[in-house]
Amino acid sequence: MFFIEELWNGNIRPNQKAIRKDSQYHKLIHNLSCETEKFLEDMSTEQKKQFDDMSLKQAELYNIESRETFIEGFRLGVGLVLDAIGEYKPQLCSIGEEE
């Protein structure tokens, strides 16, 4: 099956990854979770609601940024492929090759 078909069929999901428990990412997310819990303990109900609203907006911004970065990376990759298979007439040629 072609790569594009796999992507279309949902068999390739670049945005879904498992987190390795021994990774720096796992350690950071665990620490952030613990610190957030401590932070929320001293907040009023209204402050917690405000914090949740702010966190949702921040997550939405992160999602937009991640999507844009993915699209730009994909476009750059396709550009590289198009350059590689496109017509290119080098200024230098190998010895014995027609000039």
PDB file of N, CA and C in Angstrom:
ATOM      1  N   MET A   1       0.857  -1.182   0.000  1.00  0.00           N
ATOM      2  CA  MET A   1       0.000   0.000   0.000  1.00  0.00           C
ATOM      3  C   MET A   1       0.899   1.240   0.000  1.00  0.00           C
ATOM      4  N   PHE A   2       0.442   2.286  -0.654  1.00  0.00           N
ATOM      5  CA  PHE A   2       1.196   3.526  -0.724  1.00  0.00           C
ATOM      6  C   PHE A   2       1.144   4.282   0.599  1.00  0.00           C
ATOM      7  N   PHE A   3       2.176   5.038   0.839  1.00  0.00           N
ATOM      8  CA  PHE A   3       2.303   5.842   2.052  1.00  0.00           C
ATOM      9  C   PHE A   3       1.094   6.769   2.216  1.00  0.00           C
ATOM     10  N   ILE A   4       0.678   7.414   1.126  1.00  0.00           N
ATOM     11  CA  ILE A   4      -0.443   8.347   1.194  1.00  0.00           C
ATOM     12  C   ILE A   4      -1.730   7.614   1.580  1.00  0.00           C
ATOM     13  N   GLU A   5      -1.910   6.389   1.066  1.00  0.00           N
ATOM     14  CA  GLU A   5      -3.084   5.603   1.443  1.00  0.00           C
ATOM     15  C   GLU A   5      -3.046   5.249   2.928  1.00  0.00           C
ATOM     16  N   GLU A   6      -1.884   4.875   3.410  1.00  0.00           N
ATOM     17  CA  GLU A   6      -1.739   4.559   4.843  1.00  0.00           C
ATOM     18  C   GLU A   6      -2.095   5.773   5.695  1.00  0.00           C
ATOM     19  N   LEU A   7      -1.635   6.935   5.256  1.00  0.00           N
ATOM     20  CA  LEU A   7      -1.953   8.173   5.969  1.00  0.00           C
ATOM     21  C   LEU A   7      -3.453   8.452   5.906  1.00  0.00           C
ATOM     22  N   TRP A   8      -4.041   8.326   4.733  1.00  0.00           N
ATOM     23  CA  TRP A   8      -5.481   8.554   4.532  1.00  0.00           C
ATOM     24  C   TRP A   8      -6.316   7.599   5.379  1.00  0.00           C
ATOM     25  N   ASN A   9      -5.916   6.343   5.429  1.00  0.00           N
ATOM     26  CA  ASN A   9      -6.663   5.328   6.171  1.00  0.00           C
ATOM     27  C   ASN A   9      -6.471   5.425   7.686  1.00  0.00           C
ATOM     28  N   GLY A  10      -5.638   6.341   8.115  1.00  0.00           N
ATOM     29  CA  GLY A  10      -5.432   6.533   9.545  1.00  0.00           C
ATOM     30  C   GLY A  10      -4.451   5.556  10.166  1.00  0.00           C
ATOM     31  N   ASN A  11      -3.698   4.832   9.330  1.00  0.00           N
ATOM     32  CA  ASN A  11      -2.715   3.884   9.850  1.00  0.00           C
ATOM     33  C   ASN A  11      -1.422   4.569  10.273  1.00  0.00           C
ATOM     34  N   ILE A  12      -1.211   5.777   9.804  1.00  0.00           N
ATOM     35  CA  ILE A  12      -0.049   6.569  10.196  1.00  0.00           C
ATOM     36  C   ILE A  12      -0.575   7.774  10.954  1.00  0.00           C
ATOM     37  N   ARG A  13      -0.156   7.911  12.185  1.00  0.00           N
ATOM     38  CA  ARG A  13      -0.625   9.008  13.037  1.00  0.00           C
ATOM     39  C   ARG A  13       0.584   9.703  13.653  1.00  0.00           C
ATOM     40  N   PRO A  14       1.169  10.674  12.955  1.00  0.00           N
ATOM     41  CA  PRO A  14       2.386  11.314  13.467  1.00  0.00           C
ATOM     42  C   PRO A  14       2.169  12.097  14.760  1.00  0.00           C
ATOM     43  N   ASN A  15       0.919  12.427  15.073  1.00  0.00           N
ATOM     44  CA  ASN A  15       0.651  13.194  16.293  1.00  0.00           C
ATOM     45  C   ASN A  15       0.367  12.309  17.508  1.00  0.00           C
ATOM     46  N   GLN A  16       0.340  10.989  17.328  1.00  0.00           N
ATOM     47  CA  GLN A  16       0.079  10.090  18.452  1.00  0.00           C
ATOM     48  C   GLN A  16       1.333   9.268  18.746  1.00  0.00           C
ATOM     49  N   LYS A  17       1.857   9.469  19.922  1.00  0.00           N
ATOM     50  CA  LYS A  17       3.066   8.764  20.345  1.00  0.00           C
ATOM     51  C   LYS A  17       2.887   8.256  21.764  1.00  0.00           C
ATOM     52  N   ALA A  18       3.517   7.132  22.039  1.00  0.00           N
ATOM     53  CA  ALA A  18       3.585   6.641  23.416  1.00  0.00           C
ATOM     54  C   ALA A  18       4.785   7.308  24.081  1.00  0.00           C
ATOM     55  N   ILE A  19       4.687   7.498  25.370  1.00  0.00           N
ATOM     56  CA  ILE A  19       5.777   8.155  26.100  1.00  0.00           C
ATOM     57  C   ILE A  19       6.612   7.093  26.805  1.00  0.00           C
ATOM     58  N   ARG A  20       7.902   7.100  26.551  1.00  0.00           N
ATOM     59  CA  ARG A  20       8.807   6.169  27.230  1.00  0.00           C
ATOM     60  C   ARG A  20       8.977   6.616  28.676  1.00  0.00           C
ATOM     61  N   LYS A  21       8.830   5.657  29.583  1.00  0.00           N
ATOM     62  CA  LYS A  21       8.878   5.989  31.013  1.00  0.00           C
ATOM     63  C   LYS A  21      10.259   6.431  31.484  1.00  0.00           C
ATOM     64  N   ASP A  22      11.303   6.074  30.754  1.00  0.00           N
ATOM     65  CA  ASP A  22      12.649   6.467  31.161  1.00  0.00           C
ATOM     66  C   ASP A  22      13.132   7.729  30.436  1.00  0.00           C
ATOM     67  N   SER A  23      12.217   8.410  29.734  1.00  0.00           N
ATOM     68  CA  SER A  23      12.604   9.579  28.944  1.00  0.00           C
ATOM     69  C   SER A  23      12.580  10.856  29.770  1.00  0.00           C
ATOM     70  N   GLN A  24      13.289  11.857  29.278  1.00  0.00           N
ATOM     71  CA  GLN A  24      13.271  13.174  29.905  1.00  0.00           C
ATOM     72  C   GLN A  24      11.861  13.771  29.811  1.00  0.00           C
ATOM     73  N   TYR A  25      11.180  13.512  28.708  1.00  0.00           N
ATOM     74  CA  TYR A  25       9.813  14.012  28.508  1.00  0.00           C
ATOM     75  C   TYR A  25       8.898  13.498  29.621  1.00  0.00           C
ATOM     76  N   HIS A  26       8.982  12.199  29.916  1.00  0.00           N
ATOM     77  CA  HIS A  26       8.147  11.608  30.970  1.00  0.00           C
ATOM     78  C   HIS A  26       8.455  12.246  32.316  1.00  0.00           C
ATOM     79  N   LYS A  27       9.726  12.446  32.606  1.00  0.00           N
ATOM     80  CA  LYS A  27      10.111  13.062  33.881  1.00  0.00           C
ATOM     81  C   LYS A  27       9.553  14.474  33.992  1.00  0.00           C
ATOM     82  N   LEU A  28       9.681  15.242  32.894  1.00  0.00           N
ATOM     83  CA  LEU A  28       9.195  16.620  32.915  1.00  0.00           C
ATOM     84  C   LEU A  28       7.681  16.689  33.063  1.00  0.00           C
ATOM     85  N   ILE A  29       6.973  15.843  32.349  1.00  0.00           N
ATOM     86  CA  ILE A  29       5.506  15.879  32.437  1.00  0.00           C
ATOM     87  C   ILE A  29       5.039  15.423  33.820  1.00  0.00           C
ATOM     88  N   HIS A  30       5.736  14.471  34.409  1.00  0.00           N
ATOM     89  CA  HIS A  30       5.402  14.024  35.764  1.00  0.00           C
ATOM     90  C   HIS A  30       5.645  15.163  36.764  1.00  0.00           C
ATOM     91  N   ASN A  31       6.800  15.828  36.647  1.00  0.00           N
ATOM     92  CA  ASN A  31       7.104  16.946  37.547  1.00  0.00           C
ATOM     93  C   ASN A  31       6.093  18.076  37.387  1.00  0.00           C
ATOM     94  N   LEU A  32       5.734  18.383  36.153  1.00  0.00           N
ATOM     95  CA  LEU A  32       4.757  19.443  35.908  1.00  0.00           C
ATOM     96  C   LEU A  32       3.409  19.083  36.516  1.00  0.00           C
ATOM     97  N   SER A  33       3.003  17.834  36.391  1.00  0.00           N
ATOM     98  CA  SER A  33       1.735  17.383  36.957  1.00  0.00           C
ATOM     99  C   SER A  33       1.738  17.527  38.483  1.00  0.00           C
ATOM    100  N   CYS A  34       2.820  17.111  39.111  1.00  0.00           N
ATOM    101  CA  CYS A  34       2.920  17.230  40.578  1.00  0.00           C
ATOM    102  C   CYS A  34       2.901  18.690  41.021  1.00  0.00           C
ATOM    103  N   GLU A  35       3.640  19.539  40.309  1.00  0.00           N
ATOM    104  CA  GLU A  35       3.676  20.962  40.663  1.00  0.00           C
ATOM    105  C   GLU A  35       2.321  21.624  40.430  1.00  0.00           C
ATOM    106  N   THR A  36       1.628  21.222  39.386  1.00  0.00           N
ATOM    107  CA  THR A  36       0.298  21.779  39.110  1.00  0.00           C
ATOM    108  C   THR A  36      -0.671  21.398  40.220  1.00  0.00           C
ATOM    109  N   GLU A  37      -0.626  20.151  40.674  1.00  0.00           N
ATOM    110  CA  GLU A  37      -1.498  19.727  41.773  1.00  0.00           C
ATOM    111  C   GLU A  37      -1.251  20.564  43.024  1.00  0.00           C
ATOM    112  N   LYS A  38       0.020  20.779  43.350  1.00  0.00           N
ATOM    113  CA  LYS A  38       0.358  21.594  44.521  1.00  0.00           C
ATOM    114  C   LYS A  38      -0.129  23.027  44.340  1.00  0.00           C
ATOM    115  N   PHE A  39       0.038  23.546  43.136  1.00  0.00           N
ATOM    116  CA  PHE A  39      -0.367  24.909  42.811  1.00  0.00           C
ATOM    117  C   PHE A  39      -1.882  25.082  42.978  1.00  0.00           C
ATOM    118  N   LEU A  40      -2.634  24.076  42.524  1.00  0.00           N
ATOM    119  CA  LEU A  40      -4.099  24.157  42.575  1.00  0.00           C
ATOM    120  C   LEU A  40      -4.663  23.995  43.983  1.00  0.00           C
ATOM    121  N   GLU A  41      -3.922  23.365  44.877  1.00  0.00           N
ATOM    122  CA  GLU A  41      -4.414  23.126  46.240  1.00  0.00           C
ATOM    123  C   GLU A  41      -4.816  24.402  46.953  1.00  0.00           C
ATOM    124  N   ASP A  42      -4.064  25.460  46.747  1.00  0.00           N
ATOM    125  CA  ASP A  42      -4.292  26.711  47.468  1.00  0.00           C
ATOM    126  C   ASP A  42      -5.223  27.670  46.737  1.00  0.00           C
ATOM    127  N   MET A  43      -5.798  27.247  45.631  1.00  0.00           N
ATOM    128  CA  MET A  43      -6.652  28.136  44.844  1.00  0.00           C
ATOM    129  C   MET A  43      -8.122  27.978  45.220  1.00  0.00           C
ATOM    130  N   SER A  44      -8.833  29.082  45.052  1.00  0.00           N
ATOM    131  CA  SER A  44     -10.283  29.041  45.225  1.00  0.00           C
ATOM    132  C   SER A  44     -10.896  28.382  43.985  1.00  0.00           C
ATOM    133  N   THR A  45     -12.168  28.076  44.069  1.00  0.00           N
ATOM    134  CA  THR A  45     -12.880  27.468  42.940  1.00  0.00           C
ATOM    135  C   THR A  45     -12.820  28.379  41.719  1.00  0.00           C
ATOM    136  N   GLU A  46     -13.022  29.677  41.939  1.00  0.00           N
ATOM    137  CA  GLU A  46     -12.977  30.645  40.827  1.00  0.00           C
ATOM    138  C   GLU A  46     -11.573  30.708  40.214  1.00  0.00           C
ATOM    139  N   GLN A  47     -10.548  30.702  41.042  1.00  0.00           N
ATOM    140  CA  GLN A  47      -9.172  30.733  40.534  1.00  0.00           C
ATOM    141  C   GLN A  47      -8.854  29.464  39.728  1.00  0.00           C
ATOM    142  N   LYS A  48      -9.358  28.323  40.204  1.00  0.00           N
ATOM    143  CA  LYS A  48      -9.149  27.070  39.480  1.00  0.00           C
ATOM    144  C   LYS A  48      -9.826  27.123  38.112  1.00  0.00           C
ATOM    145  N   LYS A  49     -11.018  27.711  38.058  1.00  0.00           N
ATOM    146  CA  LYS A  49     -11.733  27.844  36.792  1.00  0.00           C
ATOM    147  C   LYS A  49     -10.939  28.743  35.839  1.00  0.00           C
ATOM    148  N   GLN A  50     -10.430  29.847  36.353  1.00  0.00           N
ATOM    149  CA  GLN A  50      -9.627  30.755  35.537  1.00  0.00           C
ATOM    150  C   GLN A  50      -8.352  30.054  35.036  1.00  0.00           C
ATOM    151  N   PHE A  51      -7.747  29.287  35.920  1.00  0.00           N
ATOM    152  CA  PHE A  51      -6.539  28.555  35.539  1.00  0.00           C
ATOM    153  C   PHE A  51      -6.851  27.531  34.450  1.00  0.00           C
ATOM    154  N   ASP A  52      -7.967  26.810  34.596  1.00  0.00           N
ATOM    155  CA  ASP A  52      -8.382  25.832  33.582  1.00  0.00           C
ATOM    156  C   ASP A  52      -8.646  26.508  32.237  1.00  0.00           C
ATOM    157  N   ASP A  53      -9.330  27.653  32.272  1.00  0.00           N
ATOM    158  CA  ASP A  53      -9.600  28.395  31.031  1.00  0.00           C
ATOM    159  C   ASP A  53      -8.299  28.822  30.362  1.00  0.00           C
ATOM    160  N   MET A  54      -7.387  29.334  31.161  1.00  0.00           N
ATOM    161  CA  MET A  54      -6.097  29.759  30.633  1.00  0.00           C
ATOM    162  C   MET A  54      -5.323  28.561  30.067  1.00  0.00           C
ATOM    163  N   SER A  55      -5.366  27.446  30.746  1.00  0.00           N
ATOM    164  CA  SER A  55      -4.667  26.239  30.284  1.00  0.00           C
ATOM    165  C   SER A  55      -5.238  25.736  28.966  1.00  0.00           C
ATOM    166  N   LEU A  56      -6.564  25.801  28.817  1.00  0.00           N
ATOM    167  CA  LEU A  56      -7.201  25.381  27.558  1.00  0.00           C
ATOM    168  C   LEU A  56      -6.780  26.284  26.403  1.00  0.00           C
ATOM    169  N   LYS A  57      -6.703  27.577  26.646  1.00  0.00           N
ATOM    170  CA  LYS A  57      -6.262  28.520  25.605  1.00  0.00           C
ATOM    171  C   LYS A  57      -4.808  28.266  25.232  1.00  0.00           C
ATOM    172  N   GLN A  58      -3.991  27.987  26.237  1.00  0.00           N
ATOM    173  CA  GLN A  58      -2.578  27.693  25.988  1.00  0.00           C
ATOM    174  C   GLN A  58      -2.443  26.404  25.180  1.00  0.00           C
ATOM    175  N   ALA A  59      -3.236  25.404  25.495  1.00  0.00           N
ATOM    176  CA  ALA A  59      -3.208  24.140  24.744  1.00  0.00           C
ATOM    177  C   ALA A  59      -3.653  24.360  23.304  1.00  0.00           C
ATOM    178  N   GLU A  60      -4.646  25.213  23.110  1.00  0.00           N
ATOM    179  CA  GLU A  60      -5.114  25.520  21.753  1.00  0.00           C
ATOM    180  C   GLU A  60      -4.007  26.207  20.945  1.00  0.00           C
ATOM    181  N   LEU A  61      -3.307  27.141  21.577  1.00  0.00           N
ATOM    182  CA  LEU A  61      -2.179  27.796  20.903  1.00  0.00           C
ATOM    183  C   LEU A  61      -1.093  26.794  20.547  1.00  0.00           C
ATOM    184  N   TYR A  62      -0.793  25.893  21.474  1.00  0.00           N
ATOM    185  CA  TYR A  62       0.219  24.864  21.225  1.00  0.00           C
ATOM    186  C   TYR A  62      -0.205  23.967  20.056  1.00  0.00           C
ATOM    187  N   ASN A  63      -1.486  23.626  19.999  1.00  0.00           N
ATOM    188  CA  ASN A  63      -1.997  22.789  18.923  1.00  0.00           C
ATOM    189  C   ASN A  63      -1.838  23.484  17.566  1.00  0.00           C
ATOM    190  N   ILE A  64      -2.169  24.773  17.508  1.00  0.00           N
ATOM    191  CA  ILE A  64      -2.015  25.531  16.267  1.00  0.00           C
ATOM    192  C   ILE A  64      -0.543  25.582  15.857  1.00  0.00           C
ATOM    193  N   GLU A  65       0.317  25.880  16.810  1.00  0.00           N
ATOM    194  CA  GLU A  65       1.751  25.964  16.524  1.00  0.00           C
ATOM    195  C   GLU A  65       2.303  24.618  16.052  1.00  0.00           C
ATOM    196  N   SER A  66       1.894  23.543  16.704  1.00  0.00           N
ATOM    197  CA  SER A  66       2.359  22.203  16.320  1.00  0.00           C
ATOM    198  C   SER A  66       1.904  21.846  14.913  1.00  0.00           C
ATOM    199  N   ARG A  67       0.643  22.164  14.616  1.00  0.00           N
ATOM    200  CA  ARG A  67       0.106  21.878  13.282  1.00  0.00           C
ATOM    201  C   ARG A  67       0.852  22.670  12.215  1.00  0.00           C
ATOM    202  N   GLU A  68       1.090  23.941  12.472  1.00  0.00           N
ATOM    203  CA  GLU A  68       1.802  24.778  11.507  1.00  0.00           C
ATOM    204  C   GLU A  68       3.243  24.296  11.301  1.00  0.00           C
ATOM    205  N   THR A  69       3.887  23.875  12.374  1.00  0.00           N
ATOM    206  CA  THR A  69       5.246  23.357  12.276  1.00  0.00           C
ATOM    207  C   THR A  69       5.265  22.063  11.473  1.00  0.00           C
ATOM    208  N   PHE A  70       4.283  21.188  11.694  1.00  0.00           N
ATOM    209  CA  PHE A  70       4.186  19.945  10.938  1.00  0.00           C
ATOM    210  C   PHE A  70       3.995  20.233   9.458  1.00  0.00           C
ATOM    211  N   ILE A  71       3.074  21.141   9.137  1.00  0.00           N
ATOM    212  CA  ILE A  71       2.799  21.473   7.740  1.00  0.00           C
ATOM    213  C   ILE A  71       4.045  22.049   7.072  1.00  0.00           C
ATOM    214  N   GLU A  72       4.717  22.958   7.750  1.00  0.00           N
ATOM    215  CA  GLU A  72       5.930  23.563   7.178  1.00  0.00           C
ATOM    216  C   GLU A  72       7.012  22.509   6.956  1.00  0.00           C
ATOM    217  N   GLY A  73       7.189  21.614   7.922  1.00  0.00           N
ATOM    218  CA  GLY A  73       8.179  20.538   7.757  1.00  0.00           C
ATOM    219  C   GLY A  73       7.823  19.621   6.605  1.00  0.00           C
ATOM    220  N   PHE A  74       6.547  19.306   6.474  1.00  0.00           N
ATOM    221  CA  PHE A  74       6.090  18.454   5.385  1.00  0.00           C
ATOM    222  C   PHE A  74       6.346  19.134   4.043  1.00  0.00           C
ATOM    223  N   ARG A  75       6.023  20.427   3.960  1.00  0.00           N
ATOM    224  CA  ARG A  75       6.234  21.170   2.717  1.00  0.00           C
ATOM    225  C   ARG A  75       7.720  21.237   2.364  1.00  0.00           C
ATOM    226  N   LEU A  76       8.564  21.419   3.351  1.00  0.00           N
ATOM    227  CA  LEU A  76      10.015  21.439   3.092  1.00  0.00           C
ATOM    228  C   LEU A  76      10.485  20.081   2.571  1.00  0.00           C
ATOM    229  N   GLY A  77       9.977  19.003   3.182  1.00  0.00           N
ATOM    230  CA  GLY A  77      10.338  17.660   2.739  1.00  0.00           C
ATOM    231  C   GLY A  77       9.920  17.396   1.304  1.00  0.00           C
ATOM    232  N   VAL A  78       8.702  17.798   0.970  1.00  0.00           N
ATOM    233  CA  VAL A  78       8.222  17.626  -0.404  1.00  0.00           C
ATOM    234  C   VAL A  78       9.063  18.463  -1.359  1.00  0.00           C
ATOM    235  N   GLY A  79       9.425  19.652  -0.943  1.00  0.00           N
ATOM    236  CA  GLY A  79      10.284  20.502  -1.775  1.00  0.00           C
ATOM    237  C   GLY A  79      11.620  19.843  -2.060  1.00  0.00           C
ATOM    238  N   LEU A  80      12.191  19.189  -1.051  1.00  0.00           N
ATOM    239  CA  LEU A  80      13.455  18.470  -1.246  1.00  0.00           C
ATOM    240  C   LEU A  80      13.288  17.336  -2.253  1.00  0.00           C
ATOM    241  N   VAL A  81      12.191  16.601  -2.140  1.00  0.00           N
ATOM    242  CA  VAL A  81      11.928  15.503  -3.070  1.00  0.00           C
ATOM    243  C   VAL A  81      11.757  16.048  -4.486  1.00  0.00           C
ATOM    244  N   LEU A  82      10.997  17.122  -4.641  1.00  0.00           N
ATOM    245  CA  LEU A  82      10.798  17.711  -5.964  1.00  0.00           C
ATOM    246  C   LEU A  82      12.111  18.184  -6.567  1.00  0.00           C
ATOM    247  N   ASP A  83      12.976  18.770  -5.748  1.00  0.00           N
ATOM    248  CA  ASP A  83      14.305  19.167  -6.239  1.00  0.00           C
ATOM    249  C   ASP A  83      15.112  17.958  -6.681  1.00  0.00           C
ATOM    250  N   ALA A  84      15.014  16.872  -5.911  1.00  0.00           N
ATOM    251  CA  ALA A  84      15.809  15.676  -6.214  1.00  0.00           C
ATOM    252  C   ALA A  84      15.370  15.013  -7.520  1.00  0.00           C
ATOM    253  N   ILE A  85      14.083  15.037  -7.826  1.00  0.00           N
ATOM    254  CA  ILE A  85      13.617  14.358  -9.033  1.00  0.00           C
ATOM    255  C   ILE A  85      13.408  15.318 -10.199  1.00  0.00           C
ATOM    256  N   GLY A  86      13.490  16.601  -9.943  1.00  0.00           N
ATOM    257  CA  GLY A  86      13.272  17.593 -10.986  1.00  0.00           C
ATOM    258  C   GLY A  86      14.469  17.711 -11.919  1.00  0.00           C
ATOM    259  N   GLU A  87      14.258  18.480 -12.969  1.00  0.00           N
ATOM    260  CA  GLU A  87      15.317  18.680 -13.950  1.00  0.00           C
ATOM    261  C   GLU A  87      16.387  19.587 -13.364  1.00  0.00           C
ATOM    262  N   TYR A  88      17.626  19.166 -13.521  1.00  0.00           N
ATOM    263  CA  TYR A  88      18.754  19.953 -13.029  1.00  0.00           C
ATOM    264  C   TYR A  88      19.913  19.752 -13.979  1.00  0.00           C
ATOM    265  N   LYS A  89      20.426  20.829 -14.512  1.00  0.00           N
ATOM    266  CA  LYS A  89      21.563  20.733 -15.418  1.00  0.00           C
ATOM    267  C   LYS A  89      22.770  21.314 -14.689  1.00  0.00           C
ATOM    268  N   PRO A  90      23.660  20.423 -14.213  1.00  0.00           N
ATOM    269  CA  PRO A  90      24.813  20.910 -13.465  1.00  0.00           C
ATOM    270  C   PRO A  90      25.767  21.688 -14.373  1.00  0.00           C
ATOM    271  N   GLN A  91      26.505  22.582 -13.798  1.00  0.00           N
ATOM    272  CA  GLN A  91      27.470  23.364 -14.552  1.00  0.00           C
ATOM    273  C   GLN A  91      28.751  22.585 -14.807  1.00  0.00           C
ATOM    274  N   LEU A  92      29.010  21.586 -14.016  1.00  0.00           N
ATOM    275  CA  LEU A  92      30.185  20.731 -14.185  1.00  0.00           C
ATOM    276  C   LEU A  92      29.713  19.344 -14.589  1.00  0.00           C
ATOM    277  N   CYS A  93      30.531  18.615 -15.327  1.00  0.00           N
ATOM    278  CA  CYS A  93      30.163  17.254 -15.694  1.00  0.00           C
ATOM    279  C   CYS A  93      31.323  16.317 -15.369  1.00  0.00           C
ATOM    280  N   SER A  94      31.023  15.045 -15.279  1.00  0.00           N
ATOM    281  CA  SER A  94      32.041  14.049 -14.997  1.00  0.00           C
ATOM    282  C   SER A  94      32.978  13.928 -16.170  1.00  0.00           C
ATOM    283  N   ILE A  95      34.201  13.520 -15.914  1.00  0.00           N
ATOM    284  CA  ILE A  95      35.186  13.333 -16.985  1.00  0.00           C
ATOM    285  C   ILE A  95      34.658  12.229 -17.910  1.00  0.00           C
ATOM    286  N   GLY A  96      34.715  12.460 -19.200  1.00  0.00           N
ATOM    287  CA  GLY A  96      34.222  11.499 -20.187  1.00  0.00           C
ATOM    288  C   GLY A  96      32.780  11.733 -20.542  1.00  0.00           C
ATOM    289  N   GLU A  97      32.047  12.548 -19.763  1.00  0.00           N
ATOM    290  CA  GLU A  97      30.658  12.844 -20.049  1.00  0.00           C
ATOM    291  C   GLU A  97      30.614  13.973 -21.084  1.00  0.00           C
ATOM    292  N   GLU A  98      29.603  13.965 -21.929  1.00  0.00           N
ATOM    293  CA  GLU A  98      29.492  15.018 -22.938  1.00  0.00           C
ATOM    294  C   GLU A  98      29.379  16.369 -22.283  1.00  0.00           C
ATOM    295  N   GLU A  99      30.020  17.324 -22.913  1.00  0.00           N
ATOM    296  CA  GLU A  99      30.007  18.685 -22.391  1.00  0.00           C
ATOM    297  C   GLU A  99      28.836  19.456 -22.900  1.00  0.00           C
TER     298      GLU A  99
END
